[in-house]
Amino acid sequence: MNFTVEQFEFFLVILVRITGFVYTAPFFSLKNTPRNLKTGFSLALAILIFTTIPYQPLVYAGVIGYAIEVLEEALAGIVLGFLANVCYQMLGFAGQLIDTEIGLSMVNEFDPVTNGQVTISGTFYQYGVMLMLMVTYMHHFLLDALVDSFKLIPVGGVDFNPLIYELSVKYIVDYFIIAFRIVLPVFAAMLIVNTILAIMAKVAPQMNMFVIGIQLKVLVGLAVMLIVIELLPGVSNFIFDEMMDLMRMAVPYLGG
């Protein structure tokens, strides 16, 4: 079988889209994963897709035209992976809200994976959902979504629509709503605790409610998180559904 230059150009465009997705999607984009492993995985997956999808010669004008094709394919992979990662990052935001409510907002730690300061509850939820993702093989569904993107957006058929910002604005609203839904049990418990502390402050003003409240909020908050831990699979399933829906909604803006 002869491997022509046109076929190599076709393969390279596939590899670029896959690489953009692998380096931005959740689970695959972890910084503690060696780059050689990411590159090798992207190359192996590109070879599999190249052998399964029908070959169509790319239509472009000169070197600049081909460079534009490569950039568009890279942008398509990056956008799909980034949108999936945004759904995952809402867990960190929810954890930050929880720590603010229970009084652990200043207990931050450095996460070498994200190279940033993260809260304890945010790290707990993120790694809990990451564990659910691996146990339920949801990372395979992310790869399935990537492979299906080649059916919905043919190779060389990416037409990036700048109006994708409308999708981003819409999802920012959902981002906060979903995060507040995750925080709601802890928020309700803290509201009750604050009410009780306010009543006790009136009944027994000689007691220092500030000192008592700090310890009480931490204990109640951790107790509520322990009680609602059984809801984590439901939260994980909801996050995964949001990933798929957001990636599906982004396809029309990428030329599908």
C-alpha atoms as a PDB file:
ATOM      1  CA  MET A   1       0.000   0.000   0.000  1.00  0.00           C
ATOM      2  CA  ASN A   2       1.411   3.356  -1.068  1.00  0.00           C
ATOM      3  CA  PHE A   3       1.331   6.192   1.469  1.00  0.00           C
ATOM      4  CA  THR A   4       1.183   9.427  -0.506  1.00  0.00           C
ATOM      5  CA  VAL A   5       1.933  12.966   0.605  1.00  0.00           C
ATOM      6  CA  GLU A   6      -1.771  13.799   0.417  1.00  0.00           C
ATOM      7  CA  GLN A   7      -2.553  10.957   2.797  1.00  0.00           C
ATOM      8  CA  PHE A   8       0.149  12.157   5.181  1.00  0.00           C
ATOM      9  CA  GLU A   9      -1.383  15.633   5.135  1.00  0.00           C
ATOM     10  CA  PHE A  10      -4.773  14.059   5.896  1.00  0.00           C
ATOM     11  CA  PHE A  11      -3.254  12.058   8.778  1.00  0.00           C
ATOM     12  CA  LEU A  12      -1.474  15.109  10.171  1.00  0.00           C
ATOM     13  CA  VAL A  13      -4.707  17.068  10.322  1.00  0.00           C
ATOM     14  CA  ILE A  14      -6.350  14.209  12.252  1.00  0.00           C
ATOM     15  CA  LEU A  15      -3.413  14.082  14.648  1.00  0.00           C
ATOM     16  CA  VAL A  16      -3.630  17.810  15.313  1.00  0.00           C
ATOM     17  CA  ARG A  17      -7.300  17.663  16.302  1.00  0.00           C
ATOM     18  CA  ILE A  18      -6.733  14.679  18.583  1.00  0.00           C
ATOM     19  CA  THR A  19      -3.698  16.265  20.213  1.00  0.00           C
ATOM     20  CA  GLY A  20      -5.615  19.470  20.898  1.00  0.00           C
ATOM     21  CA  PHE A  21      -8.336  17.444  22.608  1.00  0.00           C
ATOM     22  CA  VAL A  22      -5.970  15.265  24.663  1.00  0.00           C
ATOM     23  CA  TYR A  23      -4.054  18.270  25.986  1.00  0.00           C
ATOM     24  CA  THR A  24      -7.217  20.106  27.141  1.00  0.00           C
ATOM     25  CA  ALA A  25      -9.804  17.436  28.060  1.00  0.00           C
ATOM     26  CA  PRO A  26     -10.266  16.317  31.672  1.00  0.00           C
ATOM     27  CA  PHE A  27      -8.351  13.221  32.834  1.00  0.00           C
ATOM     28  CA  PHE A  28      -6.172  13.232  29.716  1.00  0.00           C
ATOM     29  CA  SER A  29      -4.776  16.731  30.306  1.00  0.00           C
ATOM     30  CA  LEU A  30      -3.413  16.097  33.804  1.00  0.00           C
ATOM     31  CA  LYS A  31       0.010  17.707  34.063  1.00  0.00           C
ATOM     32  CA  ASN A  32       1.433  14.832  36.070  1.00  0.00           C
ATOM     33  CA  THR A  33       0.943  12.637  32.991  1.00  0.00           C
ATOM     34  CA  PRO A  34       4.205  12.504  30.977  1.00  0.00           C
ATOM     35  CA  ARG A  35       4.105  14.430  27.724  1.00  0.00           C
ATOM     36  CA  ASN A  36       5.625  11.489  25.899  1.00  0.00           C
ATOM     37  CA  LEU A  37       2.658   9.393  26.982  1.00  0.00           C
ATOM     38  CA  LYS A  38       0.189  12.021  25.784  1.00  0.00           C
ATOM     39  CA  THR A  39       1.989  12.317  22.460  1.00  0.00           C
ATOM     40  CA  GLY A  40       2.186   8.558  21.969  1.00  0.00           C
ATOM     41  CA  PHE A  41      -1.466   8.112  22.888  1.00  0.00           C
ATOM     42  CA  SER A  42      -2.506  10.863  20.459  1.00  0.00           C
ATOM     43  CA  LEU A  43      -0.413   9.278  17.706  1.00  0.00           C
ATOM     44  CA  ALA A  44      -1.854   5.795  18.303  1.00  0.00           C
ATOM     45  CA  LEU A  45      -5.416   7.117  18.348  1.00  0.00           C
ATOM     46  CA  ALA A  46      -4.786   9.137  15.179  1.00  0.00           C
ATOM     47  CA  ILE A  47      -3.551   6.012  13.401  1.00  0.00           C
ATOM     48  CA  LEU A  48      -6.683   4.108  14.423  1.00  0.00           C
ATOM     49  CA  ILE A  49      -8.977   6.879  13.224  1.00  0.00           C
ATOM     50  CA  PHE A  50      -7.013   7.305  10.004  1.00  0.00           C
ATOM     51  CA  THR A  51      -7.560   3.644   9.169  1.00  0.00           C
ATOM     52  CA  THR A  52     -11.295   3.725   9.953  1.00  0.00           C
ATOM     53  CA  ILE A  53     -12.637   6.932   8.400  1.00  0.00           C
ATOM     54  CA  PRO A  54     -12.851   7.335   4.617  1.00  0.00           C
ATOM     55  CA  TYR A  55     -10.022   9.254   3.015  1.00  0.00           C
ATOM     56  CA  GLN A  56     -10.938  12.534   1.334  1.00  0.00           C
ATOM     57  CA  PRO A  57      -8.290  14.751  -0.282  1.00  0.00           C
ATOM     58  CA  LEU A  58      -7.953  18.080   1.434  1.00  0.00           C
ATOM     59  CA  VAL A  59      -8.805  21.172  -0.581  1.00  0.00           C
ATOM     60  CA  TYR A  60      -6.578  24.146   0.205  1.00  0.00           C
ATOM     61  CA  ALA A  61      -4.597  26.859  -1.552  1.00  0.00           C
ATOM     62  CA  GLY A  62      -0.862  26.619  -0.981  1.00  0.00           C
ATOM     63  CA  VAL A  63       1.101  26.353   2.232  1.00  0.00           C
ATOM     64  CA  ILE A  64      -0.881  29.121   3.919  1.00  0.00           C
ATOM     65  CA  GLY A  65      -4.135  27.347   3.113  1.00  0.00           C
ATOM     66  CA  TYR A  66      -2.880  24.107   4.644  1.00  0.00           C
ATOM     67  CA  ALA A  67      -1.613  25.981   7.702  1.00  0.00           C
ATOM     68  CA  ILE A  68      -5.096  27.439   8.149  1.00  0.00           C
ATOM     69  CA  GLU A  69      -6.578  23.931   7.913  1.00  0.00           C
ATOM     70  CA  VAL A  70      -4.192  22.704  10.610  1.00  0.00           C
ATOM     71  CA  LEU A  71      -4.996  25.648  12.889  1.00  0.00           C
ATOM     72  CA  GLU A  72      -8.734  25.136  12.452  1.00  0.00           C
ATOM     73  CA  GLU A  73      -8.443  21.437  13.304  1.00  0.00           C
ATOM     74  CA  ALA A  74      -6.312  22.226  16.349  1.00  0.00           C
ATOM     75  CA  LEU A  75      -8.859  24.826  17.448  1.00  0.00           C
ATOM     76  CA  ALA A  76     -11.686  22.300  17.073  1.00  0.00           C
ATOM     77  CA  GLY A  77      -9.924  19.789  19.317  1.00  0.00           C
ATOM     78  CA  ILE A  78      -8.973  22.441  21.865  1.00  0.00           C
ATOM     79  CA  VAL A  79     -12.515  23.820  22.043  1.00  0.00           C
ATOM     80  CA  LEU A  80     -14.089  20.382  22.548  1.00  0.00           C
ATOM     81  CA  GLY A  81     -11.570  19.437  25.220  1.00  0.00           C
ATOM     82  CA  PHE A  82     -11.770  22.809  26.941  1.00  0.00           C
ATOM     83  CA  LEU A  83     -15.567  22.739  27.141  1.00  0.00           C
ATOM     84  CA  ALA A  84     -15.440  19.279  28.711  1.00  0.00           C
ATOM     85  CA  ASN A  85     -12.822  20.531  31.159  1.00  0.00           C
ATOM     86  CA  VAL A  86     -14.992  23.508  32.122  1.00  0.00           C
ATOM     87  CA  CYS A  87     -17.682  21.086  33.307  1.00  0.00           C
ATOM     88  CA  TYR A  88     -15.089  19.351  35.451  1.00  0.00           C
ATOM     89  CA  GLN A  89     -13.710  22.585  36.882  1.00  0.00           C
ATOM     90  CA  MET A  90     -17.108  23.590  38.257  1.00  0.00           C
ATOM     91  CA  LEU A  91     -16.438  21.075  41.037  1.00  0.00           C
ATOM     92  CA  GLY A  92     -13.515  23.190  42.197  1.00  0.00           C
ATOM     93  CA  PHE A  93     -15.762  26.248  42.266  1.00  0.00           C
ATOM     94  CA  ALA A  94     -18.383  24.330  44.266  1.00  0.00           C
ATOM     95  CA  GLY A  95     -15.719  23.198  46.731  1.00  0.00           C
ATOM     96  CA  GLN A  96     -14.514  26.775  47.130  1.00  0.00           C
ATOM     97  CA  LEU A  97     -18.059  27.864  47.997  1.00  0.00           C
ATOM     98  CA  ILE A  98     -18.320  25.050  50.538  1.00  0.00           C
ATOM     99  CA  ASP A  99     -15.048  26.022  52.203  1.00  0.00           C
ATOM    100  CA  THR A 100     -16.202  29.633  52.349  1.00  0.00           C
ATOM    101  CA  GLU A 101     -19.370  28.578  54.159  1.00  0.00           C
ATOM    102  CA  ILE A 102     -17.752  26.257  56.695  1.00  0.00           C
ATOM    103  CA  GLY A 103     -14.756  28.502  57.406  1.00  0.00           C
ATOM    104  CA  LEU A 104     -11.982  26.768  55.493  1.00  0.00           C
ATOM    105  CA  SER A 105     -11.611  29.317  52.714  1.00  0.00           C
ATOM    106  CA  MET A 106      -8.089  30.237  53.865  1.00  0.00           C
ATOM    107  CA  VAL A 107      -6.926  26.638  54.133  1.00  0.00           C
ATOM    108  CA  ASN A 108      -5.638  26.442  50.576  1.00  0.00           C
ATOM    109  CA  GLU A 109      -3.015  24.115  49.186  1.00  0.00           C
ATOM    110  CA  PHE A 110      -0.840  24.156  46.106  1.00  0.00           C
ATOM    111  CA  ASP A 111      -1.949  21.707  43.458  1.00  0.00           C
ATOM    112  CA  PRO A 112       0.990  20.694  41.231  1.00  0.00           C
ATOM    113  CA  VAL A 113      -1.466  19.404  38.614  1.00  0.00           C
ATOM    114  CA  THR A 114      -3.113  22.795  38.031  1.00  0.00           C
ATOM    115  CA  ASN A 115      -0.210  24.938  39.297  1.00  0.00           C
ATOM    116  CA  GLY A 116      -2.618  26.933  41.417  1.00  0.00           C
ATOM    117  CA  GLN A 117      -4.096  27.300  44.886  1.00  0.00           C
ATOM    118  CA  VAL A 118      -7.038  24.966  45.482  1.00  0.00           C
ATOM    119  CA  THR A 119      -9.329  24.426  48.432  1.00  0.00           C
ATOM    120  CA  ILE A 120      -9.659  21.198  50.370  1.00  0.00           C
ATOM    121  CA  SER A 121     -13.299  20.556  49.466  1.00  0.00           C
ATOM    122  CA  GLY A 122     -12.683  21.425  45.819  1.00  0.00           C
ATOM    123  CA  THR A 123      -9.819  18.933  45.639  1.00  0.00           C
ATOM    124  CA  PHE A 124     -11.974  16.317  47.342  1.00  0.00           C
ATOM    125  CA  TYR A 125     -14.832  16.693  44.875  1.00  0.00           C
ATOM    126  CA  GLN A 126     -12.569  16.877  41.836  1.00  0.00           C
ATOM    127  CA  TYR A 127     -10.619  13.739  42.665  1.00  0.00           C
ATOM    128  CA  GLY A 128     -13.796  11.961  43.754  1.00  0.00           C
ATOM    129  CA  VAL A 129     -15.424  12.647  40.397  1.00  0.00           C
ATOM    130  CA  MET A 130     -12.157  11.768  38.635  1.00  0.00           C
ATOM    131  CA  LEU A 131     -12.234   8.411  40.414  1.00  0.00           C
ATOM    132  CA  MET A 132     -15.839   7.881  39.320  1.00  0.00           C
ATOM    133  CA  LEU A 133     -14.809   8.792  35.785  1.00  0.00           C
ATOM    134  CA  MET A 134     -12.149   6.070  35.745  1.00  0.00           C
ATOM    135  CA  VAL A 135     -14.280   3.447  37.510  1.00  0.00           C
ATOM    136  CA  THR A 136     -17.241   3.932  35.152  1.00  0.00           C
ATOM    137  CA  TYR A 137     -15.003   4.183  32.039  1.00  0.00           C
ATOM    138  CA  MET A 138     -16.400   7.599  31.224  1.00  0.00           C
ATOM    139  CA  HIS A 139     -13.040   8.558  29.729  1.00  0.00           C
ATOM    140  CA  HIS A 140     -13.883   6.037  27.010  1.00  0.00           C
ATOM    141  CA  PHE A 141     -17.060   7.993  26.279  1.00  0.00           C
ATOM    142  CA  LEU A 142     -14.977  11.150  25.932  1.00  0.00           C
ATOM    143  CA  LEU A 143     -12.886   9.353  23.341  1.00  0.00           C
ATOM    144  CA  ASP A 144     -16.076   8.159  21.643  1.00  0.00           C
ATOM    145  CA  ALA A 145     -17.246  11.770  21.479  1.00  0.00           C
ATOM    146  CA  LEU A 146     -13.926  12.751  19.918  1.00  0.00           C
ATOM    147  CA  VAL A 147     -14.188   9.980  17.322  1.00  0.00           C
ATOM    148  CA  ASP A 148     -17.797  10.931  16.562  1.00  0.00           C
ATOM    149  CA  SER A 149     -16.663  14.499  15.964  1.00  0.00           C
ATOM    150  CA  PHE A 150     -14.912  13.289  12.806  1.00  0.00           C
ATOM    151  CA  LYS A 151     -18.316  12.116  11.542  1.00  0.00           C
ATOM    152  CA  LEU A 152     -20.108  15.345  12.417  1.00  0.00           C
ATOM    153  CA  ILE A 153     -17.187  17.606  11.482  1.00  0.00           C
ATOM    154  CA  PRO A 154     -15.315  15.982   8.572  1.00  0.00           C
ATOM    155  CA  VAL A 155     -11.569  16.346   8.316  1.00  0.00           C
ATOM    156  CA  GLY A 156     -10.896  19.664   6.625  1.00  0.00           C
ATOM    157  CA  GLY A 157     -14.496  20.755   7.212  1.00  0.00           C
ATOM    158  CA  VAL A 158     -13.968  22.863  10.309  1.00  0.00           C
ATOM    159  CA  ASP A 159     -15.607  26.257   9.977  1.00  0.00           C
ATOM    160  CA  PHE A 160     -15.186  28.049  13.278  1.00  0.00           C
ATOM    161  CA  ASN A 161     -18.093  30.355  14.090  1.00  0.00           C
ATOM    162  CA  PRO A 162     -17.127  33.288  16.359  1.00  0.00           C
ATOM    163  CA  LEU A 163     -20.683  33.249  17.743  1.00  0.00           C
ATOM    164  CA  ILE A 164     -19.628  30.334  19.924  1.00  0.00           C
ATOM    165  CA  TYR A 165     -19.262  32.961  22.651  1.00  0.00           C
ATOM    166  CA  GLU A 166     -23.079  32.806  22.935  1.00  0.00           C
ATOM    167  CA  LEU A 167     -22.730  29.189  24.016  1.00  0.00           C
ATOM    168  CA  SER A 168     -20.032  30.195  26.482  1.00  0.00           C
ATOM    169  CA  VAL A 169     -22.181  32.954  28.012  1.00  0.00           C
ATOM    170  CA  LYS A 170     -25.137  30.594  28.321  1.00  0.00           C
ATOM    171  CA  TYR A 171     -23.054  27.967  30.003  1.00  0.00           C
ATOM    172  CA  ILE A 172     -21.514  30.413  32.469  1.00  0.00           C
ATOM    173  CA  VAL A 173     -25.017  30.889  33.878  1.00  0.00           C
ATOM    174  CA  ASP A 174     -25.480  27.123  34.126  1.00  0.00           C
ATOM    175  CA  TYR A 175     -21.993  26.895  35.643  1.00  0.00           C
ATOM    176  CA  PHE A 176     -23.040  28.924  38.685  1.00  0.00           C
ATOM    177  CA  ILE A 177     -26.444  27.250  38.971  1.00  0.00           C
ATOM    178  CA  ILE A 178     -24.956  23.745  38.946  1.00  0.00           C
ATOM    179  CA  ALA A 179     -22.255  24.713  41.440  1.00  0.00           C
ATOM    180  CA  PHE A 180     -24.856  26.158  43.820  1.00  0.00           C
ATOM    181  CA  ARG A 181     -26.905  22.966  43.534  1.00  0.00           C
ATOM    182  CA  ILE A 182     -23.891  20.964  44.668  1.00  0.00           C
ATOM    183  CA  VAL A 183     -23.319  23.364  47.565  1.00  0.00           C
ATOM    184  CA  LEU A 184     -27.002  23.550  48.573  1.00  0.00           C
ATOM    185  CA  PRO A 185     -26.943  20.894  51.396  1.00  0.00           C
ATOM    186  CA  VAL A 186     -23.983  22.550  53.111  1.00  0.00           C
ATOM    187  CA  PHE A 187     -25.419  26.015  52.516  1.00  0.00           C
ATOM    188  CA  ALA A 188     -28.753  25.001  54.109  1.00  0.00           C
ATOM    189  CA  ALA A 189     -26.967  23.492  57.119  1.00  0.00           C
ATOM    190  CA  MET A 190     -24.871  26.635  57.584  1.00  0.00           C
ATOM    191  CA  LEU A 191     -28.016  28.771  57.420  1.00  0.00           C
ATOM    192  CA  ILE A 192     -29.511  26.764  60.271  1.00  0.00           C
ATOM    193  CA  VAL A 193     -26.262  26.987  62.250  1.00  0.00           C
ATOM    194  CA  ASN A 194     -26.079  30.762  61.788  1.00  0.00           C
ATOM    195  CA  THR A 195     -29.698  31.079  62.929  1.00  0.00           C
ATOM    196  CA  ILE A 196     -28.989  29.032  66.052  1.00  0.00           C
ATOM    197  CA  LEU A 197     -25.866  31.083  66.818  1.00  0.00           C
ATOM    198  CA  ALA A 198     -27.847  34.312  66.411  1.00  0.00           C
ATOM    199  CA  ILE A 199     -30.496  33.081  68.860  1.00  0.00           C
ATOM    200  CA  MET A 200     -27.858  31.940  71.360  1.00  0.00           C
ATOM    201  CA  ALA A 201     -26.108  35.297  71.090  1.00  0.00           C
ATOM    202  CA  LYS A 202     -29.325  36.980  72.219  1.00  0.00           C
ATOM    203  CA  VAL A 203     -30.103  34.420  74.910  1.00  0.00           C
ATOM    204  CA  ALA A 204     -26.573  34.188  76.351  1.00  0.00           C
ATOM    205  CA  PRO A 205     -24.658  37.342  75.337  1.00  0.00           C
ATOM    206  CA  GLN A 206     -21.840  36.490  77.732  1.00  0.00           C
ATOM    207  CA  MET A 207     -20.815  33.573  75.484  1.00  0.00           C
ATOM    208  CA  ASN A 208     -18.370  34.281  72.668  1.00  0.00           C
ATOM    209  CA  MET A 209     -20.350  33.052  69.661  1.00  0.00           C
ATOM    210  CA  PHE A 210     -17.525  33.950  67.297  1.00  0.00           C
ATOM    211  CA  VAL A 211     -15.219  31.364  68.842  1.00  0.00           C
ATOM    212  CA  ILE A 212     -17.965  28.765  69.134  1.00  0.00           C
ATOM    213  CA  GLY A 213     -19.245  29.436  65.604  1.00  0.00           C
ATOM    214  CA  ILE A 214     -15.915  28.766  63.901  1.00  0.00           C
ATOM    215  CA  GLN A 215     -15.607  25.290  65.397  1.00  0.00           C
ATOM    216  CA  LEU A 216     -19.300  24.495  65.076  1.00  0.00           C
ATOM    217  CA  LYS A 217     -19.408  25.418  61.376  1.00  0.00           C
ATOM    218  CA  VAL A 218     -16.435  23.208  60.579  1.00  0.00           C
ATOM    219  CA  LEU A 219     -17.903  20.228  62.452  1.00  0.00           C
ATOM    220  CA  VAL A 220     -21.385  20.635  60.966  1.00  0.00           C
ATOM    221  CA  GLY A 221     -20.016  21.237  57.474  1.00  0.00           C
ATOM    222  CA  LEU A 222     -17.830  18.132  57.527  1.00  0.00           C
ATOM    223  CA  ALA A 223     -20.724  16.107  58.980  1.00  0.00           C
ATOM    224  CA  VAL A 224     -23.054  17.227  56.178  1.00  0.00           C
ATOM    225  CA  MET A 225     -20.422  16.422  53.549  1.00  0.00           C
ATOM    226  CA  LEU A 226     -20.043  12.959  55.081  1.00  0.00           C
ATOM    227  CA  ILE A 227     -23.810  12.417  55.001  1.00  0.00           C
ATOM    228  CA  VAL A 228     -24.231  13.530  51.391  1.00  0.00           C
ATOM    229  CA  ILE A 229     -21.159  11.631  50.152  1.00  0.00           C
ATOM    230  CA  GLU A 230     -23.521   8.999  48.771  1.00  0.00           C
ATOM    231  CA  LEU A 231     -24.750  11.623  46.317  1.00  0.00           C
ATOM    232  CA  LEU A 232     -21.325  11.799  44.665  1.00  0.00           C
ATOM    233  CA  PRO A 233     -22.191   9.197  41.960  1.00  0.00           C
ATOM    234  CA  GLY A 234     -25.249  11.266  41.064  1.00  0.00           C
ATOM    235  CA  VAL A 235     -23.153  14.428  40.895  1.00  0.00           C
ATOM    236  CA  SER A 236     -20.609  12.617  38.726  1.00  0.00           C
ATOM    237  CA  ASN A 237     -23.306  11.386  36.362  1.00  0.00           C
ATOM    238  CA  PHE A 238     -24.719  14.909  36.130  1.00  0.00           C
ATOM    239  CA  ILE A 239     -21.293  16.366  35.350  1.00  0.00           C
ATOM    240  CA  PHE A 240     -20.677  13.749  32.651  1.00  0.00           C
ATOM    241  CA  ASP A 241     -24.047  14.488  31.052  1.00  0.00           C
ATOM    242  CA  GLU A 242     -23.186  18.178  31.044  1.00  0.00           C
ATOM    243  CA  MET A 243     -19.887  17.403  29.313  1.00  0.00           C
ATOM    244  CA  MET A 244     -21.611  15.492  26.541  1.00  0.00           C
ATOM    245  CA  ASP A 245     -24.376  18.083  26.109  1.00  0.00           C
ATOM    246  CA  LEU A 246     -21.933  20.973  25.936  1.00  0.00           C
ATOM    247  CA  MET A 247     -19.703  19.198  23.415  1.00  0.00           C
ATOM    248  CA  ARG A 248     -22.775  18.320  21.363  1.00  0.00           C
ATOM    249  CA  MET A 249     -23.975  21.935  21.383  1.00  0.00           C
ATOM    250  CA  ALA A 250     -20.548  23.152  20.301  1.00  0.00           C
ATOM    251  CA  VAL A 251     -20.498  21.033  17.130  1.00  0.00           C
ATOM    252  CA  PRO A 252     -22.699  23.408  15.031  1.00  0.00           C
ATOM    253  CA  TYR A 253     -20.335  26.274  15.852  1.00  0.00           C
ATOM    254  CA  LEU A 254     -17.389  24.239  14.567  1.00  0.00           C
ATOM    255  CA  GLY A 255     -18.825  23.379  11.181  1.00  0.00           C
ATOM    256  CA  GLY A 256     -20.987  20.327  11.966  1.00  0.00           C
END
